[in-house]
Amino acid sequence: MKPMDRIQSINPARIAWCCADHGITPEALAAEVGISADRMSAVMHDGEGLTFNQLRSVADFFGRGVLFFLEAEPVEAPQVHTPQFRTLASQNPELSPRLKNLIERVEKQRQIFLSLQDELDSDAWTSFEAPDLPSRDVATAARRVRQWLGLGDKNDFESYRTAVEAKGILVFRTNGYNGKWQIAKESPIAGFALYDEQCPVIVVKKMASEATQSFTLMHELAHVLLHKTSWIDEESDLRSTQGREREANQFAGLVLVPDAFLKQIDDMSRPAEAAMLDEWLRPHHLKWGASTEVILRRLMDVGRLPLAVYMAYRELVSDRTYNNEDQGGSRAYRYREPRHMFGDRYVRTVLDSLSAQHITLSKASGYLDGLKIADVHALERFCAHP
């Protein structure tokens, strides 16, 4: 390839900054994106260039635009990373490049949503306004939040999500399919919250059990409402008994299973075998959208279940996996995926903007995870007749 076929104005300092930010070397980057080590070394040390496709591969790996690497100025971290991003990165220094890209992608989706809402200027969405909650009384806070959300006696993940979204909080659920909107199956991350005074975002990892997703949602909601901060959680944090994680877990359990619900459970019919506890609590699990483990923890909290019974159940289910990574199969309903991932509020905002001709069909496609044009129209029909 002739030198003129390569882009020569690449700023190697920006590549170096991104490598340091993601905890990899330029050599490792080269291997990841399919560029020879010699070529990468020439770019970094000799002022050589890359083809457009090579530069785009580098940009995609870091979740940046191509133009980012052509700017001559040095990187200013506060302009690149938001305070919320820096909060999560400081909490978990071992975040993978893929997860860092996901966090930044979520932030971009929020900005898209707010920009479209501003143009629509409709009353269909109101910005977030936190309820007045006591700082040290988690039980009272949970009770007030149930009232604030308007929760009834029968719920599942979607009804919880709808209630939270109605309060100006976006709720994203990662995709089970491998791709840019997935939290990898092997990743310990269960979810995170990006706090914002106008529009917080909660991200829940796609799991096989929707009840587990509901608990993660309410756990992250605790960080938003009680702690008023951005937070990232591993699966082990959802059982923590320390500090803010303990408060978030207590809050989530009380929102999903308030004391009044426990009165519906007949202790006298509790089976002696741990293997039968799922079946015993099945009607309540299905009605409340809470897992057997959460219900057992709540019974234990109020003194109605011995610790030994709970621990026997935990040992029984410890080998179960609730991660969900779709194993191929048909994607005949691809057009529904943006709604599953970004929620009804976000999707309707994009479609309303398209209908009002504030954005083009191509823009709408980009905002909806790159849906094909035919799938955008299918999504319009689906949302028109839920």
Protein backbone atom coordinates (compact mmCIF):
# COMPACT_ATOMS: atom_id res chain seq x y z
CA MET A 1 0.00 0.00 0.00
CA LYS A 2 1.29 3.45 -0.87
CA PRO A 3 1.97 5.86 2.00
CA MET A 4 -0.57 8.27 0.52
CA ASP A 5 -3.28 5.64 1.14
CA ARG A 6 -2.70 6.02 4.85
CA ILE A 7 -3.90 8.79 7.12
CA GLN A 8 -0.76 10.58 8.28
CA SER A 9 -2.26 13.12 10.69
CA ILE A 10 -2.93 10.68 13.54
CA ASN A 11 -2.04 11.96 17.00
CA PRO A 12 -0.17 9.04 18.65
CA ALA A 13 -0.47 10.72 22.06
CA ARG A 14 -4.22 10.19 21.88
CA ILE A 15 -3.77 6.50 21.12
CA ALA A 16 -1.34 6.28 24.05
CA TRP A 17 -3.83 8.05 26.33
CA CYS A 18 -6.62 5.65 25.37
CA CYS A 19 -4.34 2.66 25.92
CA ALA A 20 -3.42 3.90 29.39
CA ASP A 21 -7.07 4.67 30.15
CA HIS A 22 -8.05 1.11 29.21
CA GLY A 23 -5.07 -0.54 30.86
CA ILE A 24 -3.51 -2.07 27.74
CA THR A 25 -0.32 -1.55 25.77
CA PRO A 26 -0.18 -0.38 22.14
CA GLU A 27 1.13 -3.86 21.28
CA ALA A 28 -1.93 -5.47 22.86
CA LEU A 29 -4.17 -2.97 21.05
CA ALA A 30 -2.58 -3.95 17.75
CA ALA A 31 -3.33 -7.61 18.41
CA GLU A 32 -6.93 -6.82 19.39
CA VAL A 33 -7.71 -4.86 16.21
CA GLY A 34 -5.68 -6.92 13.75
CA ILE A 35 -2.85 -4.48 13.05
CA SER A 36 0.75 -5.70 12.94
CA ALA A 37 2.97 -4.80 15.88
CA ASP A 38 5.48 -3.19 13.51
CA ARG A 39 2.81 -0.97 11.97
CA MET A 40 1.56 0.13 15.39
CA SER A 41 5.12 0.85 16.53
CA ALA A 42 5.68 2.97 13.43
CA VAL A 43 2.53 4.96 14.19
CA MET A 44 3.47 5.51 17.83
CA HIS A 45 7.16 6.33 17.35
CA ASP A 46 7.86 7.26 13.72
CA GLY A 47 4.87 9.38 12.73
CA GLU A 48 3.58 6.76 10.30
CA GLY A 49 -0.11 6.46 9.45
CA LEU A 50 -2.94 3.93 9.33
CA THR A 51 -5.52 3.19 6.68
CA PHE A 52 -8.98 4.54 7.37
CA ASN A 53 -10.27 1.06 8.17
CA GLN A 54 -7.41 0.44 10.59
CA LEU A 55 -8.01 3.76 12.33
CA ARG A 56 -11.73 3.04 12.50
CA SER A 57 -10.96 -0.31 14.16
CA VAL A 58 -8.88 1.51 16.78
CA ALA A 59 -11.64 4.08 17.28
CA ASP A 60 -14.32 1.39 17.60
CA PHE A 61 -12.23 -0.52 20.15
CA PHE A 62 -12.06 2.54 22.39
CA GLY A 63 -15.62 3.68 21.70
CA ARG A 64 -14.42 6.90 20.08
CA GLY A 65 -14.96 8.61 16.76
CA VAL A 66 -12.23 8.58 14.13
CA LEU A 67 -11.83 12.36 14.42
CA PHE A 68 -10.85 12.00 18.08
CA PHE A 69 -7.47 10.60 16.99
CA LEU A 70 -6.88 13.34 14.42
CA GLU A 71 -7.10 16.24 16.87
CA ALA A 72 -3.70 17.80 17.58
CA GLU A 73 -4.51 18.92 21.12
CA PRO A 74 -3.67 16.70 24.10
CA VAL A 75 -6.53 14.82 25.74
CA GLU A 76 -8.20 16.58 28.66
CA ALA A 77 -9.69 13.81 30.77
CA PRO A 78 -12.49 15.92 32.34
CA GLN A 79 -13.76 16.69 28.83
CA VAL A 80 -13.58 13.05 27.75
CA HIS A 81 -14.96 11.35 30.87
CA THR A 82 -17.95 12.63 32.80
CA PRO A 83 -17.89 12.83 36.61
CA GLN A 84 -20.26 9.85 36.70
CA PHE A 85 -17.90 7.76 34.57
CA ARG A 86 -14.93 8.71 36.73
CA THR A 87 -16.91 7.75 39.84
CA LEU A 88 -17.56 4.24 38.50
CA ALA A 89 -13.98 3.83 37.29
CA SER A 90 -12.61 4.81 40.69
CA GLN A 91 -14.93 2.33 42.44
CA ASN A 92 -13.81 -0.52 40.20
CA PRO A 93 -10.34 0.04 38.70
CA GLU A 94 -10.52 -3.36 36.99
CA LEU A 95 -13.30 -2.36 34.59
CA SER A 96 -12.71 -3.94 31.19
CA PRO A 97 -12.38 -1.79 28.05
CA ARG A 98 -15.65 -3.30 26.85
CA LEU A 99 -17.47 -2.25 30.00
CA LYS A 100 -15.97 1.24 29.92
CA ASN A 101 -17.23 1.58 26.37
CA LEU A 102 -20.68 0.42 27.48
CA ILE A 103 -20.82 3.04 30.24
CA GLU A 104 -19.91 5.80 27.80
CA ARG A 105 -22.42 4.45 25.29
CA VAL A 106 -25.14 4.63 27.94
CA GLU A 107 -24.20 8.24 28.65
CA LYS A 108 -24.49 9.06 24.95
CA GLN A 109 -27.95 7.46 24.80
CA ARG A 110 -29.05 9.62 27.72
CA GLN A 111 -27.86 12.74 25.91
CA ILE A 112 -29.73 11.67 22.79
CA PHE A 113 -32.88 11.13 24.85
CA LEU A 114 -32.65 14.53 26.56
CA SER A 115 -31.94 16.31 23.28
CA LEU A 116 -34.95 14.70 21.61
CA GLN A 117 -37.17 15.47 24.59
CA ASP A 118 -36.10 19.10 24.45
CA GLU A 119 -37.07 19.30 20.78
CA LEU A 120 -40.40 17.55 21.32
CA ASP A 121 -41.29 19.92 24.17
CA SER A 122 -44.10 17.59 25.25
CA ASP A 123 -45.67 16.84 28.59
CA ALA A 124 -45.26 13.08 28.08
CA TRP A 125 -42.03 13.09 30.08
CA THR A 126 -41.13 14.95 33.23
CA SER A 127 -37.58 15.14 34.52
CA PHE A 128 -36.48 13.33 37.65
CA GLU A 129 -37.40 14.80 41.01
CA ALA A 130 -36.22 12.76 43.98
CA PRO A 131 -38.73 12.03 46.74
CA ASP A 132 -38.07 13.25 50.27
CA LEU A 133 -36.60 10.26 52.10
CA PRO A 134 -35.10 9.82 55.58
CA SER A 135 -31.34 9.33 55.47
CA ARG A 136 -31.04 6.62 58.14
CA ASP A 137 -34.39 4.82 58.06
CA VAL A 138 -34.28 2.37 55.15
CA ALA A 139 -37.61 0.75 56.03
CA THR A 140 -39.47 4.06 55.93
CA ALA A 141 -37.65 5.05 52.74
CA ALA A 142 -38.67 1.80 51.03
CA ARG A 143 -42.29 2.26 52.08
CA ARG A 144 -42.36 5.82 50.71
CA VAL A 145 -40.72 4.74 47.45
CA ARG A 146 -43.35 2.03 46.90
CA GLN A 147 -45.99 4.74 47.25
CA TRP A 148 -43.99 7.15 45.07
CA LEU A 149 -43.75 4.52 42.33
CA GLY A 150 -47.43 3.62 42.67
CA LEU A 151 -46.69 -0.11 42.91
CA GLY A 152 -49.57 -2.53 43.24
CA ASP A 153 -49.69 -6.05 44.65
CA LYS A 154 -48.74 -7.86 41.42
CA ASN A 155 -45.51 -7.04 39.61
CA ASP A 156 -42.78 -8.27 37.33
CA PHE A 157 -39.63 -6.73 35.91
CA GLU A 158 -41.49 -4.80 33.22
CA SER A 159 -43.99 -3.26 35.63
CA TYR A 160 -41.19 -2.25 38.00
CA ARG A 161 -39.28 -0.79 35.08
CA THR A 162 -42.31 1.15 33.83
CA ALA A 163 -42.91 2.59 37.29
CA VAL A 164 -39.30 3.73 37.63
CA GLU A 165 -39.23 5.21 34.11
CA ALA A 166 -42.40 7.19 34.89
CA LYS A 167 -40.35 9.08 37.49
CA GLY A 168 -37.82 10.39 34.97
CA ILE A 169 -35.25 7.61 35.34
CA LEU A 170 -34.13 5.67 32.26
CA VAL A 171 -33.80 1.91 32.77
CA PHE A 172 -31.62 0.03 30.29
CA ARG A 173 -31.24 -3.74 30.21
CA THR A 174 -28.22 -5.13 28.41
CA ASN A 175 -28.65 -7.47 25.48
CA GLY A 176 -28.29 -11.24 25.79
CA TYR A 177 -26.77 -11.44 22.32
CA ASN A 178 -23.07 -10.82 21.95
CA GLY A 179 -22.50 -7.23 20.92
CA LYS A 180 -21.85 -3.69 22.06
CA TRP A 181 -24.87 -3.62 24.41
CA GLN A 182 -23.95 -6.78 26.28
CA ILE A 183 -22.26 -7.22 29.65
CA ALA A 184 -20.26 -10.38 29.03
CA LYS A 185 -21.56 -13.56 30.62
CA GLU A 186 -18.29 -14.09 32.48
CA SER A 187 -18.27 -10.54 33.86
CA PRO A 188 -19.15 -10.25 37.56
CA ILE A 189 -20.89 -6.91 36.96
CA ALA A 190 -24.64 -7.07 37.71
CA GLY A 191 -25.58 -3.46 37.00
CA PHE A 192 -24.78 0.18 37.56
CA ALA A 193 -26.41 3.55 38.12
CA LEU A 194 -25.39 6.87 36.59
CA TYR A 195 -26.69 9.60 38.85
CA ASP A 196 -27.94 12.82 37.32
CA GLU A 197 -30.19 15.45 38.85
CA GLN A 198 -32.32 15.64 35.70
CA CYS A 199 -32.26 12.11 34.30
CA PRO A 200 -30.49 9.25 36.11
CA VAL A 201 -29.90 6.00 34.24
CA ILE A 202 -30.00 2.51 35.72
CA VAL A 203 -28.45 -0.36 33.75
CA VAL A 204 -29.39 -3.94 34.59
CA LYS A 205 -27.52 -6.95 33.27
CA LYS A 206 -29.69 -9.33 31.23
CA MET A 207 -30.23 -12.46 33.30
CA ALA A 208 -32.17 -15.68 32.81
CA SER A 209 -34.25 -14.84 35.89
CA GLU A 210 -36.35 -11.68 35.63
CA ALA A 211 -36.76 -11.73 39.42
CA THR A 212 -32.99 -11.32 39.72
CA GLN A 213 -33.16 -8.38 37.32
CA SER A 214 -35.89 -6.80 39.45
CA PHE A 215 -33.69 -7.02 42.55
CA THR A 216 -30.77 -5.45 40.68
CA LEU A 217 -33.07 -2.66 39.48
CA MET A 218 -34.22 -1.82 43.00
CA HIS A 219 -30.68 -2.14 44.37
CA GLU A 220 -29.45 0.45 41.85
CA LEU A 221 -32.50 2.60 42.57
CA ALA A 222 -31.35 2.71 46.20
CA HIS A 223 -28.02 4.19 45.11
CA VAL A 224 -29.90 6.84 43.13
CA LEU A 225 -32.50 7.74 45.77
CA LEU A 226 -30.74 7.05 49.08
CA HIS A 227 -27.12 7.72 48.22
CA LYS A 228 -27.59 10.16 45.32
CA THR A 229 -24.48 8.91 43.57
CA SER A 230 -23.30 6.84 40.63
CA TRP A 231 -22.48 3.25 41.52
CA ILE A 232 -21.40 -0.02 39.93
CA ASP A 233 -22.17 -3.42 41.44
CA GLU A 234 -20.82 -6.91 41.08
CA GLU A 235 -23.09 -9.86 41.75
CA SER A 236 -21.45 -10.39 45.14
CA ASP A 237 -22.50 -6.86 46.16
CA LEU A 238 -26.14 -7.93 45.92
CA ARG A 239 -25.59 -10.06 49.05
CA SER A 240 -23.25 -7.71 50.89
CA THR A 241 -23.92 -6.88 54.53
CA GLN A 242 -21.56 -3.91 54.66
CA GLY A 243 -22.12 -0.16 54.33
CA ARG A 244 -24.08 1.28 51.45
CA GLU A 245 -24.44 -2.12 49.80
CA ARG A 246 -26.20 -3.40 52.89
CA GLU A 247 -28.59 -0.43 52.75
CA ALA A 248 -29.24 -0.97 49.05
CA ASN A 249 -29.96 -4.67 49.59
CA GLN A 250 -32.27 -3.98 52.51
CA PHE A 251 -34.07 -1.32 50.48
CA ALA A 252 -34.50 -3.60 47.46
CA GLY A 253 -35.89 -6.42 49.59
CA LEU A 254 -38.39 -4.12 51.31
CA VAL A 255 -39.58 -2.55 48.06
CA LEU A 256 -40.08 -5.93 46.39
CA VAL A 257 -41.50 -7.71 49.46
CA PRO A 258 -42.94 -5.28 52.04
CA ASP A 259 -43.93 -6.56 55.46
CA ALA A 260 -47.61 -6.68 54.50
CA PHE A 261 -46.85 -9.21 51.74
CA LEU A 262 -45.23 -11.60 54.21
CA LYS A 263 -48.57 -12.06 55.95
CA GLN A 264 -49.72 -14.02 52.89
CA ILE A 265 -47.16 -16.77 53.56
CA ASP A 266 -48.18 -19.75 55.70
CA ASP A 267 -45.22 -20.76 57.87
CA MET A 268 -46.92 -23.99 58.90
CA SER A 269 -46.78 -25.28 55.33
CA ARG A 270 -43.05 -24.63 54.94
CA PRO A 271 -41.36 -27.84 53.72
CA ALA A 272 -38.49 -29.36 55.64
CA GLU A 273 -36.42 -29.97 52.49
CA ALA A 274 -34.57 -27.00 51.00
CA ALA A 275 -35.25 -28.39 47.53
CA MET A 276 -38.99 -27.82 48.06
CA LEU A 277 -38.75 -24.15 49.06
CA ASP A 278 -39.01 -22.91 45.47
CA GLU A 279 -42.30 -24.72 45.01
CA TRP A 280 -43.59 -23.54 48.39
CA LEU A 281 -43.02 -19.89 47.51
CA ARG A 282 -43.80 -20.18 43.80
CA PRO A 283 -47.20 -18.39 43.93
CA HIS A 284 -45.65 -15.45 45.78
CA HIS A 285 -42.59 -15.37 43.54
CA LEU A 286 -44.82 -15.17 40.47
CA LYS A 287 -47.12 -12.53 41.96
CA TRP A 288 -44.48 -10.21 43.39
CA GLY A 289 -41.72 -10.67 40.82
CA ALA A 290 -39.25 -11.44 43.62
CA SER A 291 -36.96 -14.47 43.77
CA THR A 292 -37.30 -17.26 46.31
CA GLU A 293 -34.04 -16.15 47.89
CA VAL A 294 -35.27 -12.58 48.40
CA ILE A 295 -38.50 -13.81 49.99
CA LEU A 296 -36.56 -16.15 52.29
CA ARG A 297 -34.25 -13.30 53.31
CA ARG A 298 -37.23 -11.15 54.15
CA LEU A 299 -38.76 -13.94 56.26
CA MET A 300 -35.43 -14.31 58.02
CA ASP A 301 -35.22 -10.54 58.62
CA VAL A 302 -38.53 -10.53 60.50
CA GLY A 303 -37.63 -13.59 62.56
CA ARG A 304 -39.87 -16.10 60.80
CA LEU A 305 -37.16 -18.23 59.18
CA PRO A 306 -34.11 -19.80 60.85
CA LEU A 307 -30.74 -18.85 59.41
CA ALA A 308 -29.99 -22.55 58.89
CA VAL A 309 -32.93 -22.90 56.49
CA TYR A 310 -31.83 -19.90 54.45
CA MET A 311 -28.23 -21.13 54.31
CA ALA A 312 -29.37 -24.61 53.24
CA TYR A 313 -31.26 -23.04 50.36
CA ARG A 314 -28.27 -20.86 49.44
CA GLU A 315 -26.01 -23.91 49.34
CA LEU A 316 -28.54 -25.72 47.17
CA VAL A 317 -28.74 -22.96 44.57
CA SER A 318 -25.12 -21.77 44.73
CA ASP A 319 -24.24 -23.65 41.56
CA ARG A 320 -27.15 -22.26 39.58
CA THR A 321 -26.30 -19.68 36.97
CA TYR A 322 -28.65 -16.81 36.34
CA ASN A 323 -26.54 -15.27 33.64
CA ASN A 324 -28.21 -15.28 30.27
CA GLU A 325 -26.30 -15.24 27.05
CA ASP A 326 -28.52 -16.11 24.13
CA GLN A 327 -27.16 -19.07 22.26
CA GLY A 328 -27.81 -17.98 18.71
CA GLY A 329 -31.24 -18.93 17.46
CA SER A 330 -33.75 -16.84 15.56
CA ARG A 331 -33.78 -13.07 15.79
CA ALA A 332 -37.10 -12.82 13.97
CA TYR A 333 -38.16 -10.20 16.49
CA ARG A 334 -35.03 -8.07 16.10
CA TYR A 335 -37.24 -4.98 15.85
CA ARG A 336 -38.30 -5.45 19.47
CA GLU A 337 -34.79 -5.51 20.87
CA PRO A 338 -34.38 -1.72 21.31
CA ARG A 339 -37.48 -1.68 23.49
CA HIS A 340 -36.15 -4.57 25.59
CA MET A 341 -32.79 -2.82 25.96
CA PHE A 342 -33.64 0.87 26.23
CA GLY A 343 -37.17 0.75 27.59
CA ASP A 344 -40.48 2.05 26.31
CA ARG A 345 -39.83 5.67 27.30
CA TYR A 346 -36.64 5.98 25.27
CA VAL A 347 -37.99 4.14 22.22
CA ARG A 348 -41.20 6.16 22.07
CA THR A 349 -39.19 9.37 22.33
CA VAL A 350 -37.16 8.37 19.26
CA LEU A 351 -40.28 7.32 17.33
CA ASP A 352 -42.16 10.49 18.31
CA SER A 353 -39.21 12.56 17.09
CA LEU A 354 -39.25 10.65 13.82
CA SER A 355 -43.00 11.18 13.44
CA ALA A 356 -42.58 14.91 14.13
CA GLN A 357 -39.82 14.99 11.48
CA HIS A 358 -37.28 16.24 13.99
CA ILE A 359 -34.93 13.43 12.94
CA THR A 360 -34.46 11.41 9.78
CA LEU A 361 -35.19 7.71 9.42
CA SER A 362 -31.46 7.11 9.25
CA LYS A 363 -30.94 8.97 12.54
CA ALA A 364 -33.74 7.00 14.19
CA SER A 365 -32.08 3.78 13.03
CA GLY A 366 -28.81 4.84 14.63
CA TYR A 367 -30.51 5.76 17.90
CA LEU A 368 -32.23 2.35 17.97
CA ASP A 369 -29.14 0.13 17.89
CA GLY A 370 -28.76 0.30 14.13
CA LEU A 371 -32.12 -1.26 13.26
CA LYS A 372 -32.70 -1.81 9.56
CA ILE A 373 -35.24 0.57 8.05
CA ALA A 374 -37.84 -2.18 7.73
CA ASP A 375 -37.35 -3.04 11.40
CA VAL A 376 -37.82 0.60 12.42
CA HIS A 377 -41.21 0.54 10.70
CA ALA A 378 -42.02 -2.80 12.36
CA LEU A 379 -41.12 -1.27 15.73
CA GLU A 380 -43.43 1.67 15.00
CA ARG A 381 -46.31 -0.73 14.37
CA PHE A 382 -45.44 -2.77 17.46
CA CYS A 383 -45.42 0.31 19.72
CA ALA A 384 -48.66 1.56 18.20
CA HIS A 385 -50.40 -1.68 19.21
CA PRO A 386 -48.74 -2.86 22.44
